[in-house]
Amino acid sequence: MKNYTYRIIIEKDGDEYHGFVPALQGCHTHGSTIEETRSNLRDAMELYMAHLSSKHEDIPEESGFESFETIGVPVHA
């Protein structure tokens, strides 16, 4: 068994949360809480990778880069 590590992103979406994995194109889910979304996302990732494995397709490796930038914006009084 090989282990894979992926970045996940969870964002507020109205009254719920939307989660996705940038390295796994189309791997998205949602939930009522961050914890539920994280759990649903893990299930979605496992299904996604099981599908690729059953088709003998390559499982993508994480290749993204994440950075945060702070931009100052003048506030007009």
PDB file of N, CA and C in Angstrom:
ATOM      1  N   MET A   1       0.851  -1.176   0.000  1.00  0.00           N
ATOM      2  CA  MET A   1       0.000   0.000   0.000  1.00  0.00           C
ATOM      3  C   MET A   1       0.892   1.233   0.000  1.00  0.00           C
ATOM      4  N   LYS A   2       0.531   2.202  -0.802  1.00  0.00           N
ATOM      5  CA  LYS A   2       1.242   3.471  -0.844  1.00  0.00           C
ATOM      6  C   LYS A   2       0.331   4.552  -0.268  1.00  0.00           C
ATOM      7  N   ASN A   3       0.897   5.423   0.534  1.00  0.00           N
ATOM      8  CA  ASN A   3       0.140   6.538   1.100  1.00  0.00           C
ATOM      9  C   ASN A   3       0.359   7.788   0.263  1.00  0.00           C
ATOM     10  N   TYR A   4      -0.685   8.587   0.147  1.00  0.00           N
ATOM     11  CA  TYR A   4      -0.644   9.843  -0.586  1.00  0.00           C
ATOM     12  C   TYR A   4      -1.083  10.966   0.346  1.00  0.00           C
ATOM     13  N   THR A   5      -0.473  12.123   0.204  1.00  0.00           N
ATOM     14  CA  THR A   5      -0.857  13.296   0.983  1.00  0.00           C
ATOM     15  C   THR A   5      -1.270  14.394   0.016  1.00  0.00           C
ATOM     16  N   TYR A   6      -2.435  14.977   0.279  1.00  0.00           N
ATOM     17  CA  TYR A   6      -2.977  16.010  -0.592  1.00  0.00           C
ATOM     18  C   TYR A   6      -3.403  17.224   0.217  1.00  0.00           C
ATOM     19  N   ARG A   7      -3.290  18.389  -0.418  1.00  0.00           N
ATOM     20  CA  ARG A   7      -3.888  19.604   0.142  1.00  0.00           C
ATOM     21  C   ARG A   7      -5.384  19.511  -0.069  1.00  0.00           C
ATOM     22  N   ILE A   8      -6.141  19.900   0.941  1.00  0.00           N
ATOM     23  CA  ILE A   8      -7.583  20.026   0.773  1.00  0.00           C
ATOM     24  C   ILE A   8      -7.951  21.476   1.068  1.00  0.00           C
ATOM     25  N   ILE A   9      -9.009  21.927   0.446  1.00  0.00           N
ATOM     26  CA  ILE A   9      -9.483  23.286   0.675  1.00  0.00           C
ATOM     27  C   ILE A   9     -10.956  23.204   1.038  1.00  0.00           C
ATOM     28  N   ILE A  10     -11.301  23.851   2.136  1.00  0.00           N
ATOM     29  CA  ILE A  10     -12.696  23.906   2.585  1.00  0.00           C
ATOM     30  C   ILE A  10     -13.057  25.379   2.713  1.00  0.00           C
ATOM     31  N   GLU A  11     -14.138  25.746   2.034  1.00  0.00           N
ATOM     32  CA  GLU A  11     -14.588  27.138   2.021  1.00  0.00           C
ATOM     33  C   GLU A  11     -16.047  27.224   2.430  1.00  0.00           C
ATOM     34  N   LYS A  12     -16.414  28.307   3.056  1.00  0.00           N
ATOM     35  CA  LYS A  12     -17.808  28.569   3.384  1.00  0.00           C
ATOM     36  C   LYS A  12     -18.570  28.779   2.081  1.00  0.00           C
ATOM     37  N   ASP A  13     -19.744  28.163   1.973  1.00  0.00           N
ATOM     38  CA  ASP A  13     -20.570  28.279   0.766  1.00  0.00           C
ATOM     39  C   ASP A  13     -22.024  28.429   1.211  1.00  0.00           C
ATOM     40  N   GLY A  14     -22.446  29.665   1.409  1.00  0.00           N
ATOM     41  CA  GLY A  14     -23.792  29.899   1.933  1.00  0.00           C
ATOM     42  C   GLY A  14     -23.867  29.403   3.373  1.00  0.00           C
ATOM     43  N   ASP A  15     -24.838  28.532   3.642  1.00  0.00           N
ATOM     44  CA  ASP A  15     -24.997  27.972   4.984  1.00  0.00           C
ATOM     45  C   ASP A  15     -24.183  26.709   5.181  1.00  0.00           C
ATOM     46  N   GLU A  16     -23.506  26.240   4.137  1.00  0.00           N
ATOM     47  CA  GLU A  16     -22.735  25.004   4.221  1.00  0.00           C
ATOM     48  C   GLU A  16     -21.268  25.284   3.894  1.00  0.00           C
ATOM     49  N   TYR A  17     -20.522  24.188   3.733  1.00  0.00           N
ATOM     50  CA  TYR A  17     -19.109  24.269   3.365  1.00  0.00           C
ATOM     51  C   TYR A  17     -18.867  23.430   2.118  1.00  0.00           C
ATOM     52  N   HIS A  18     -17.964  23.905   1.283  1.00  0.00           N
ATOM     53  CA  HIS A  18     -17.577  23.210   0.059  1.00  0.00           C
ATOM     54  C   HIS A  18     -16.124  22.796   0.229  1.00  0.00           C
ATOM     55  N   GLY A  19     -15.822  21.521  -0.053  1.00  0.00           N
ATOM     56  CA  GLY A  19     -14.455  21.044   0.048  1.00  0.00           C
ATOM     57  C   GLY A  19     -14.003  20.440  -1.269  1.00  0.00           C
ATOM     58  N   PHE A  20     -12.720  20.613  -1.587  1.00  0.00           N
ATOM     59  CA  PHE A  20     -12.182  20.022  -2.805  1.00  0.00           C
ATOM     60  C   PHE A  20     -10.691  19.764  -2.657  1.00  0.00           C
ATOM     61  N   VAL A  21     -10.187  18.942  -3.583  1.00  0.00           N
ATOM     62  CA  VAL A  21      -8.770  18.575  -3.612  1.00  0.00           C
ATOM     63  C   VAL A  21      -8.216  19.046  -4.949  1.00  0.00           C
ATOM     64  N   PRO A  22      -7.405  20.102  -4.965  1.00  0.00           N
ATOM     65  CA  PRO A  22      -6.914  20.634  -6.240  1.00  0.00           C
ATOM     66  C   PRO A  22      -6.188  19.599  -7.108  1.00  0.00           C
ATOM     67  N   ALA A  23      -5.468  18.680  -6.513  1.00  0.00           N
ATOM     68  CA  ALA A  23      -4.698  17.698  -7.289  1.00  0.00           C
ATOM     69  C   ALA A  23      -5.567  16.596  -7.889  1.00  0.00           C
ATOM     70  N   LEU A  24      -6.783  16.441  -7.368  1.00  0.00           N
ATOM     71  CA  LEU A  24      -7.686  15.396  -7.866  1.00  0.00           C
ATOM     72  C   LEU A  24      -8.854  16.079  -8.570  1.00  0.00           C
ATOM     73  N   GLN A  25      -8.678  16.337  -9.834  1.00  0.00           N
ATOM     74  CA  GLN A  25      -9.652  17.095 -10.611  1.00  0.00           C
ATOM     75  C   GLN A  25     -11.052  16.499 -10.483  1.00  0.00           C
ATOM     76  N   GLY A  26     -12.002  17.331 -10.079  1.00  0.00           N
ATOM     77  CA  GLY A  26     -13.387  16.894  -9.945  1.00  0.00           C
ATOM     78  C   GLY A  26     -13.726  16.294  -8.596  1.00  0.00           C
ATOM     79  N   CYS A  27     -12.774  16.227  -7.681  1.00  0.00           N
ATOM     80  CA  CYS A  27     -13.021  15.652  -6.358  1.00  0.00           C
ATOM     81  C   CYS A  27     -13.511  16.764  -5.435  1.00  0.00           C
ATOM     82  N   HIS A  28     -14.836  16.872  -5.311  1.00  0.00           N
ATOM     83  CA  HIS A  28     -15.497  17.919  -4.528  1.00  0.00           C
ATOM     84  C   HIS A  28     -16.545  17.290  -3.623  1.00  0.00           C
ATOM     85  N   THR A  29     -16.895  17.968  -2.563  1.00  0.00           N
ATOM     86  CA  THR A  29     -17.996  17.546  -1.705  1.00  0.00           C
ATOM     87  C   THR A  29     -18.477  18.747  -0.912  1.00  0.00           C
ATOM     88  N   HIS A  30     -19.442  18.523  -0.037  1.00  0.00           N
ATOM     89  CA  HIS A  30     -19.945  19.599   0.820  1.00  0.00           C
ATOM     90  C   HIS A  30     -20.390  19.006   2.149  1.00  0.00           C
ATOM     91  N   GLY A  31     -20.700  19.876   3.089  1.00  0.00           N
ATOM     92  CA  GLY A  31     -21.194  19.439   4.387  1.00  0.00           C
ATOM     93  C   GLY A  31     -21.716  20.615   5.180  1.00  0.00           C
ATOM     94  N   SER A  32     -22.401  20.304   6.282  1.00  0.00           N
ATOM     95  CA  SER A  32     -22.985  21.349   7.130  1.00  0.00           C
ATOM     96  C   SER A  32     -21.961  22.012   8.033  1.00  0.00           C
ATOM     97  N   THR A  33     -20.893  21.278   8.349  1.00  0.00           N
ATOM     98  CA  THR A  33     -19.834  21.793   9.217  1.00  0.00           C
ATOM     99  C   THR A  33     -18.485  21.506   8.557  1.00  0.00           C
ATOM    100  N   ILE A  34     -17.444  22.124   9.076  1.00  0.00           N
ATOM    101  CA  ILE A  34     -16.103  21.851   8.568  1.00  0.00           C
ATOM    102  C   ILE A  34     -15.750  20.387   8.799  1.00  0.00           C
ATOM    103  N   GLU A  35     -16.080  19.869   9.981  1.00  0.00           N
ATOM    104  CA  GLU A  35     -15.756  18.480  10.305  1.00  0.00           C
ATOM    105  C   GLU A  35     -16.486  17.501   9.375  1.00  0.00           C
ATOM    106  N   GLU A  36     -17.769  17.756   9.112  1.00  0.00           N
ATOM    107  CA  GLU A  36     -18.531  16.898   8.206  1.00  0.00           C
ATOM    108  C   GLU A  36     -17.964  16.975   6.793  1.00  0.00           C
ATOM    109  N   THR A  37     -17.607  18.177   6.354  1.00  0.00           N
ATOM    110  CA  THR A  37     -17.039  18.355   5.020  1.00  0.00           C
ATOM    111  C   THR A  37     -15.709  17.627   4.908  1.00  0.00           C
ATOM    112  N   ARG A  38     -14.878  17.711   5.943  1.00  0.00           N
ATOM    113  CA  ARG A  38     -13.582  17.014   5.936  1.00  0.00           C
ATOM    114  C   ARG A  38     -13.806  15.505   5.841  1.00  0.00           C
ATOM    115  N   SER A  39     -14.750  14.981   6.603  1.00  0.00           N
ATOM    116  CA  SER A  39     -15.051  13.553   6.569  1.00  0.00           C
ATOM    117  C   SER A  39     -15.586  13.138   5.196  1.00  0.00           C
ATOM    118  N   ASN A  40     -16.499  13.926   4.648  1.00  0.00           N
ATOM    119  CA  ASN A  40     -17.043  13.640   3.318  1.00  0.00           C
ATOM    120  C   ASN A  40     -15.955  13.711   2.252  1.00  0.00           C
ATOM    121  N   LEU A  41     -15.037  14.639   2.428  1.00  0.00           N
ATOM    122  CA  LEU A  41     -13.956  14.799   1.459  1.00  0.00           C
ATOM    123  C   LEU A  41     -13.019  13.595   1.501  1.00  0.00           C
ATOM    124  N   ARG A  42     -12.749  13.106   2.698  1.00  0.00           N
ATOM    125  CA  ARG A  42     -11.901  11.906   2.820  1.00  0.00           C
ATOM    126  C   ARG A  42     -12.574  10.720   2.114  1.00  0.00           C
ATOM    127  N   ASP A  43     -13.881  10.558   2.307  1.00  0.00           N
ATOM    128  CA  ASP A  43     -14.614   9.494   1.614  1.00  0.00           C
ATOM    129  C   ASP A  43     -14.530   9.674   0.099  1.00  0.00           C
ATOM    130  N   ALA A  44     -14.715  10.915  -0.355  1.00  0.00           N
ATOM    131  CA  ALA A  44     -14.663  11.197  -1.795  1.00  0.00           C
ATOM    132  C   ALA A  44     -13.276  10.890  -2.356  1.00  0.00           C
ATOM    133  N   MET A  45     -12.224  11.234  -1.606  1.00  0.00           N
ATOM    134  CA  MET A  45     -10.859  10.962  -2.047  1.00  0.00           C
ATOM    135  C   MET A  45     -10.616   9.461  -2.152  1.00  0.00           C
ATOM    136  N   GLU A  46     -11.075   8.712  -1.161  1.00  0.00           N
ATOM    137  CA  GLU A  46     -10.886   7.257  -1.177  1.00  0.00           C
ATOM    138  C   GLU A  46     -11.604   6.631  -2.370  1.00  0.00           C
ATOM    139  N   LEU A  47     -12.840   7.071  -2.644  1.00  0.00           N
ATOM    140  CA  LEU A  47     -13.585   6.551  -3.800  1.00  0.00           C
ATOM    141  C   LEU A  47     -12.896   6.936  -5.111  1.00  0.00           C
ATOM    142  N   TYR A  48     -12.445   8.160  -5.201  1.00  0.00           N
ATOM    143  CA  TYR A  48     -11.767   8.665  -6.391  1.00  0.00           C
ATOM    144  C   TYR A  48     -10.534   7.815  -6.683  1.00  0.00           C
ATOM    145  N   MET A  49      -9.734   7.583  -5.663  1.00  0.00           N
ATOM    146  CA  MET A  49      -8.493   6.835  -5.850  1.00  0.00           C
ATOM    147  C   MET A  49      -8.759   5.353  -6.096  1.00  0.00           C
ATOM    148  N   ALA A  50      -9.791   4.791  -5.467  1.00  0.00           N
ATOM    149  CA  ALA A  50     -10.160   3.397  -5.715  1.00  0.00           C
ATOM    150  C   ALA A  50     -10.596   3.227  -7.165  1.00  0.00           C
ATOM    151  N   HIS A  51     -11.316   4.212  -7.694  1.00  0.00           N
ATOM    152  CA  HIS A  51     -11.751   4.154  -9.093  1.00  0.00           C
ATOM    153  C   HIS A  51     -10.541   4.168 -10.034  1.00  0.00           C
ATOM    154  N   LEU A  52      -9.610   5.092  -9.773  1.00  0.00           N
ATOM    155  CA  LEU A  52      -8.408   5.148 -10.614  1.00  0.00           C
ATOM    156  C   LEU A  52      -7.638   3.836 -10.540  1.00  0.00           C
ATOM    157  N   SER A  53      -7.497   3.302  -9.347  1.00  0.00           N
ATOM    158  CA  SER A  53      -6.761   2.053  -9.151  1.00  0.00           C
ATOM    159  C   SER A  53      -7.436   0.896  -9.882  1.00  0.00           C
ATOM    160  N   SER A  54      -8.773   0.841  -9.834  1.00  0.00           N
ATOM    161  CA  SER A  54      -9.499  -0.253 -10.494  1.00  0.00           C
ATOM    162  C   SER A  54      -9.358  -0.197 -12.015  1.00  0.00           C
ATOM    163  N   LYS A  55      -9.112   0.992 -12.540  1.00  0.00           N
ATOM    164  CA  LYS A  55      -8.917   1.184 -13.982  1.00  0.00           C
ATOM    165  C   LYS A  55      -7.437   1.120 -14.362  1.00  0.00           C
ATOM    166  N   HIS A  56      -6.579   0.841 -13.365  1.00  0.00           N
ATOM    167  CA  HIS A  56      -5.117   0.799 -13.569  1.00  0.00           C
ATOM    168  C   HIS A  56      -4.586   2.124 -14.100  1.00  0.00           C
ATOM    169  N   GLU A  57      -5.202   3.210 -13.652  1.00  0.00           N
ATOM    170  CA  GLU A  57      -4.750   4.548 -14.036  1.00  0.00           C
ATOM    171  C   GLU A  57      -3.815   5.087 -12.955  1.00  0.00           C
ATOM    172  N   ASP A  58      -2.935   5.981 -13.349  1.00  0.00           N
ATOM    173  CA  ASP A  58      -2.014   6.594 -12.395  1.00  0.00           C
ATOM    174  C   ASP A  58      -2.782   7.455 -11.399  1.00  0.00           C
ATOM    175  N   ILE A  59      -2.365   7.394 -10.147  1.00  0.00           N
ATOM    176  CA  ILE A  59      -2.933   8.255  -9.115  1.00  0.00           C
ATOM    177  C   ILE A  59      -2.082   9.516  -9.068  1.00  0.00           C
ATOM    178  N   PRO A  60      -2.713  10.688  -9.238  1.00  0.00           N
ATOM    179  CA  PRO A  60      -1.942  11.940  -9.266  1.00  0.00           C
ATOM    180  C   PRO A  60      -1.197  12.188  -7.953  1.00  0.00           C
ATOM    181  N   GLU A  61      -0.027  12.757  -8.088  1.00  0.00           N
ATOM    182  CA  GLU A  61       0.753  13.187  -6.932  1.00  0.00           C
ATOM    183  C   GLU A  61       0.447  14.664  -6.683  1.00  0.00           C
ATOM    184  N   GLU A  62       0.535  15.067  -5.449  1.00  0.00           N
ATOM    185  CA  GLU A  62       0.368  16.487  -5.119  1.00  0.00           C
ATOM    186  C   GLU A  62       1.548  17.252  -5.698  1.00  0.00           C
ATOM    187  N   SER A  63       1.270  18.275  -6.480  1.00  0.00           N
ATOM    188  CA  SER A  63       2.350  19.059  -7.081  1.00  0.00           C
ATOM    189  C   SER A  63       2.113  20.556  -6.916  1.00  0.00           C
ATOM    190  N   GLY A  64       1.080  20.894  -6.154  1.00  0.00           N
ATOM    191  CA  GLY A  64       0.738  22.303  -6.004  1.00  0.00           C
ATOM    192  C   GLY A  64       1.644  23.035  -5.033  1.00  0.00           C
ATOM    193  N   PHE A  65       1.593  24.313  -5.117  1.00  0.00           N
ATOM    194  CA  PHE A  65       2.320  25.197  -4.225  1.00  0.00           C
ATOM    195  C   PHE A  65       1.306  26.115  -3.591  1.00  0.00           C
ATOM    196  N   GLU A  66       1.399  26.283  -2.301  1.00  0.00           N
ATOM    197  CA  GLU A  66       0.443  27.146  -1.611  1.00  0.00           C
ATOM    198  C   GLU A  66       1.188  28.270  -0.913  1.00  0.00           C
ATOM    199  N   SER A  67       0.676  29.466  -1.080  1.00  0.00           N
ATOM    200  CA  SER A  67       1.279  30.635  -0.460  1.00  0.00           C
ATOM    201  C   SER A  67       0.166  31.639  -0.166  1.00  0.00           C
ATOM    202  N   PHE A  68       0.372  32.443   0.819  1.00  0.00           N
ATOM    203  CA  PHE A  68      -0.573  33.500   1.140  1.00  0.00           C
ATOM    204  C   PHE A  68       0.121  34.833   0.948  1.00  0.00           C
ATOM    205  N   GLU A  69      -0.582  35.782   0.401  1.00  0.00           N
ATOM    206  CA  GLU A  69      -0.069  37.131   0.196  1.00  0.00           C
ATOM    207  C   GLU A  69      -0.983  38.108   0.905  1.00  0.00           C
ATOM    208  N   THR A  70      -0.403  39.088   1.558  1.00  0.00           N
ATOM    209  CA  THR A  70      -1.171  40.147   2.206  1.00  0.00           C
ATOM    210  C   THR A  70      -1.007  41.413   1.396  1.00  0.00           C
ATOM    211  N   ILE A  71      -2.125  42.021   1.037  1.00  0.00           N
ATOM    212  CA  ILE A  71      -2.122  43.238   0.237  1.00  0.00           C
ATOM    213  C   ILE A  71      -2.779  44.352   1.056  1.00  0.00           C
ATOM    214  N   GLY A  72      -2.111  45.463   1.203  1.00  0.00           N
ATOM    215  CA  GLY A  72      -2.673  46.596   1.916  1.00  0.00           C
ATOM    216  C   GLY A  72      -3.527  47.439   0.990  1.00  0.00           C
ATOM    217  N   VAL A  73      -4.688  47.808   1.455  1.00  0.00           N
ATOM    218  CA  VAL A  73      -5.594  48.655   0.688  1.00  0.00           C
ATOM    219  C   VAL A  73      -5.918  49.882   1.532  1.00  0.00           C
ATOM    220  N   PRO A  74      -5.676  51.081   0.997  1.00  0.00           N
ATOM    221  CA  PRO A  74      -5.974  52.292   1.781  1.00  0.00           C
ATOM    222  C   PRO A  74      -7.469  52.360   2.105  1.00  0.00           C
ATOM    223  N   VAL A  75      -7.748  52.747   3.333  1.00  0.00           N
ATOM    224  CA  VAL A  75      -9.148  52.912   3.758  1.00  0.00           C
ATOM    225  C   VAL A  75      -9.458  54.406   3.736  1.00  0.00           C
ATOM    226  N   HIS A  76     -10.505  54.766   3.046  1.00  0.00           N
ATOM    227  CA  HIS A  76     -10.909  56.167   2.943  1.00  0.00           C
ATOM    228  C   HIS A  76     -11.896  56.472   4.052  1.00  0.00           C
ATOM    229  N   ALA A  77     -11.613  57.510   4.799  1.00  0.00           N
ATOM    230  CA  ALA A  77     -12.471  57.874   5.928  1.00  0.00           C
ATOM    231  C   ALA A  77     -13.643  58.704   5.487  1.00  0.00           C
TER     232      ALA A  77
END
